[in-house]
N, C-alpha and C. Protein backbone atom coordinates (compact mmCIF):
# COMPACT_ATOMS: atom_id res chain seq x y z
N MET A 1 19.33 57.80 -160.15
CA MET A 1 19.53 57.39 -161.52
C MET A 1 21.02 57.42 -161.82
N ALA A 2 21.48 56.43 -162.56
CA ALA A 2 22.91 56.34 -162.88
C ALA A 2 23.07 55.94 -164.34
N LYS A 3 24.14 56.40 -164.95
CA LYS A 3 24.51 55.93 -166.29
C LYS A 3 25.76 55.10 -166.12
N LEU A 4 25.67 53.84 -166.52
CA LEU A 4 26.75 52.89 -166.35
C LEU A 4 27.51 52.72 -167.67
N TYR A 5 28.79 52.40 -167.57
CA TYR A 5 29.65 52.20 -168.74
C TYR A 5 30.41 50.90 -168.57
N ARG A 6 30.47 50.13 -169.65
CA ARG A 6 31.26 48.88 -169.67
C ARG A 6 32.03 48.82 -170.97
N LEU A 7 33.20 48.23 -170.92
CA LEU A 7 33.95 47.95 -172.13
C LEU A 7 34.06 46.43 -172.23
N LEU A 8 33.33 45.88 -173.18
CA LEU A 8 33.35 44.44 -173.41
C LEU A 8 34.54 44.11 -174.30
N THR A 9 35.32 43.12 -173.91
CA THR A 9 36.49 42.73 -174.69
C THR A 9 36.57 41.21 -174.76
N ALA A 10 37.15 40.73 -175.85
CA ALA A 10 37.36 39.29 -176.01
C ALA A 10 38.05 39.04 -177.34
N GLU A 11 38.43 37.80 -177.54
CA GLU A 11 38.97 37.38 -178.84
C GLU A 11 37.88 37.56 -179.90
N ASP A 12 38.26 37.85 -181.12
CA ASP A 12 37.32 38.05 -182.21
C ASP A 12 36.76 36.72 -182.67
N ASP A 13 35.68 36.31 -182.01
CA ASP A 13 35.00 35.07 -182.37
C ASP A 13 33.52 35.20 -182.04
N SER A 14 32.76 34.15 -182.26
CA SER A 14 31.32 34.24 -182.02
C SER A 14 31.00 34.47 -180.54
N ALA A 15 31.86 34.05 -179.63
CA ALA A 15 31.61 34.28 -178.21
C ALA A 15 31.56 35.77 -177.90
N PHE A 16 32.40 36.55 -178.58
CA PHE A 16 32.37 38.01 -178.38
C PHE A 16 31.04 38.56 -178.87
N CYS A 17 30.58 38.12 -180.02
CA CYS A 17 29.29 38.58 -180.55
C CYS A 17 28.15 38.22 -179.59
N HIS A 18 28.21 37.03 -179.01
CA HIS A 18 27.19 36.63 -178.03
C HIS A 18 27.27 37.50 -176.78
N LYS A 19 28.47 37.86 -176.36
CA LYS A 19 28.64 38.72 -175.19
C LYS A 19 27.98 40.08 -175.42
N VAL A 20 28.20 40.66 -176.59
CA VAL A 20 27.60 41.95 -176.92
C VAL A 20 26.08 41.80 -177.06
N SER A 21 25.63 40.75 -177.73
CA SER A 21 24.19 40.52 -177.89
C SER A 21 23.50 40.33 -176.55
N ASP A 22 24.13 39.64 -175.63
CA ASP A 22 23.57 39.44 -174.29
C ASP A 22 23.43 40.79 -173.57
N ALA A 23 24.44 41.63 -173.68
CA ALA A 23 24.37 42.95 -173.04
C ALA A 23 23.23 43.77 -173.64
N LEU A 24 23.08 43.73 -174.96
CA LEU A 24 21.99 44.47 -175.60
C LEU A 24 20.63 43.95 -175.15
N ALA A 25 20.50 42.65 -175.01
CA ALA A 25 19.24 42.05 -174.56
C ALA A 25 18.90 42.45 -173.13
N LYS A 26 19.92 42.83 -172.36
CA LYS A 26 19.72 43.23 -170.96
C LYS A 26 19.62 44.74 -170.80
N GLY A 27 19.42 45.45 -171.91
CA GLY A 27 19.17 46.89 -171.82
C GLY A 27 20.37 47.79 -172.03
N TRP A 28 21.55 47.23 -172.26
CA TRP A 28 22.73 48.04 -172.55
C TRP A 28 22.63 48.53 -173.98
N GLU A 29 23.23 49.70 -174.27
CA GLU A 29 23.22 50.27 -175.61
C GLU A 29 24.65 50.44 -176.10
N LEU A 30 24.85 50.23 -177.39
CA LEU A 30 26.18 50.42 -177.97
C LEU A 30 26.62 51.86 -177.79
N TYR A 31 27.89 52.05 -177.52
CA TYR A 31 28.47 53.38 -177.37
C TYR A 31 29.72 53.43 -178.23
N GLY A 32 29.65 54.13 -179.33
CA GLY A 32 30.79 54.23 -180.23
C GLY A 32 30.94 52.99 -181.08
N SER A 33 32.03 52.99 -181.82
CA SER A 33 32.32 51.90 -182.75
C SER A 33 33.16 50.83 -182.07
N PRO A 34 33.09 49.60 -182.56
CA PRO A 34 33.96 48.56 -182.02
C PRO A 34 35.41 48.84 -182.40
N ALA A 35 36.32 48.28 -181.65
CA ALA A 35 37.75 48.41 -181.92
C ALA A 35 38.34 47.01 -182.06
N TYR A 36 39.38 46.90 -182.89
CA TYR A 36 40.06 45.63 -183.11
C TYR A 36 41.56 45.85 -182.99
N ALA A 37 42.23 44.90 -182.43
CA ALA A 37 43.69 44.98 -182.33
C ALA A 37 44.26 43.57 -182.38
N HIS A 38 45.44 43.47 -182.93
CA HIS A 38 46.12 42.17 -182.99
C HIS A 38 46.88 41.94 -181.70
N ASP A 39 46.70 40.77 -181.11
CA ASP A 39 47.44 40.36 -179.92
C ASP A 39 48.60 39.49 -180.40
N PRO A 40 49.80 40.06 -180.49
CA PRO A 40 50.92 39.29 -181.05
C PRO A 40 51.36 38.12 -180.19
N VAL A 41 51.12 38.20 -178.90
CA VAL A 41 51.52 37.10 -178.01
C VAL A 41 50.65 35.87 -178.26
N ALA A 42 49.34 36.10 -178.32
CA ALA A 42 48.41 34.98 -178.55
C ALA A 42 48.21 34.70 -180.03
N GLY A 43 48.58 35.66 -180.88
CA GLY A 43 48.41 35.47 -182.32
C GLY A 43 46.96 35.54 -182.78
N VAL A 44 46.14 36.33 -182.10
CA VAL A 44 44.72 36.46 -182.45
C VAL A 44 44.33 37.93 -182.50
N MET A 45 43.17 38.18 -183.10
CA MET A 45 42.59 39.52 -183.07
C MET A 45 41.71 39.62 -181.83
N ARG A 46 41.74 40.78 -181.21
CA ARG A 46 40.90 41.05 -180.03
C ARG A 46 39.92 42.16 -180.38
N CYS A 47 38.72 42.09 -179.81
CA CYS A 47 37.67 43.07 -180.06
C CYS A 47 37.33 43.79 -178.77
N ALA A 48 36.82 45.01 -178.93
CA ALA A 48 36.31 45.78 -177.80
C ALA A 48 35.08 46.55 -178.26
N GLN A 49 34.06 46.60 -177.42
CA GLN A 49 32.86 47.38 -177.71
C GLN A 49 32.38 48.01 -176.42
N ALA A 50 32.26 49.32 -176.42
CA ALA A 50 31.73 50.02 -175.25
C ALA A 50 30.21 49.97 -175.29
N VAL A 51 29.62 49.83 -174.10
CA VAL A 51 28.16 49.86 -173.96
C VAL A 51 27.82 50.71 -172.74
N THR A 52 26.64 51.34 -172.77
CA THR A 52 26.17 52.13 -171.64
C THR A 52 24.75 51.72 -171.30
N LYS A 53 24.34 52.05 -170.08
CA LYS A 53 22.98 51.73 -169.64
C LYS A 53 22.56 52.76 -168.59
N VAL A 54 21.36 53.29 -168.75
CA VAL A 54 20.79 54.19 -167.75
C VAL A 54 19.89 53.34 -166.86
N THR A 55 20.09 53.47 -165.56
CA THR A 55 19.32 52.68 -164.59
C THR A 55 18.76 53.59 -163.50
N ASP A 56 17.62 53.18 -162.95
CA ASP A 56 17.01 53.95 -161.87
C ASP A 56 17.75 53.77 -160.55
N ALA A 57 18.44 52.66 -160.41
CA ALA A 57 19.17 52.38 -159.17
C ALA A 57 20.47 53.17 -159.15
N PRO A 58 20.93 53.53 -157.96
CA PRO A 58 22.22 54.21 -157.89
C PRO A 58 23.36 53.26 -158.23
N TYR A 59 24.44 53.82 -158.72
CA TYR A 59 25.63 53.04 -159.05
C TYR A 59 26.19 52.39 -157.78
N ASP A 60 26.50 51.10 -157.86
CA ASP A 60 27.04 50.36 -156.73
C ASP A 60 28.37 49.75 -157.14
N PRO A 61 29.51 50.34 -156.69
CA PRO A 61 30.81 49.83 -157.11
C PRO A 61 31.11 48.42 -156.60
N ASP A 62 30.34 47.92 -155.65
CA ASP A 62 30.57 46.58 -155.13
C ASP A 62 29.89 45.50 -155.98
N LYS A 63 29.04 45.90 -156.93
CA LYS A 63 28.36 44.95 -157.81
C LYS A 63 29.05 44.93 -159.16
N ARG A 64 29.06 43.77 -159.78
CA ARG A 64 29.56 43.67 -161.15
C ARG A 64 28.64 44.51 -162.04
N LEU A 65 29.21 45.19 -163.02
CA LEU A 65 28.40 46.06 -163.88
C LEU A 65 27.31 45.29 -164.61
N GLY A 66 27.58 44.07 -165.01
CA GLY A 66 26.58 43.26 -165.69
C GLY A 66 25.39 42.91 -164.83
N GLN A 67 25.50 43.08 -163.52
CA GLN A 67 24.41 42.77 -162.59
C GLN A 67 23.64 44.01 -162.19
N GLN A 68 24.01 45.16 -162.72
CA GLN A 68 23.33 46.40 -162.34
C GLN A 68 22.30 46.79 -163.37
């Protein structure tokens, strides 16, 4: 059994919301509050949301976290 952690990040737009919603639909759970920061180079706001997931399979560092 393993507990996995991911930090989802992207520009503050609907694509970020879809990314988080997709993770939730695949069994990931929100961990903490979202964070926002201004990216002065790109001139946009960026979002971050941590998610965790408990899985019966052992952690495999060679697999992308979204595939575990």
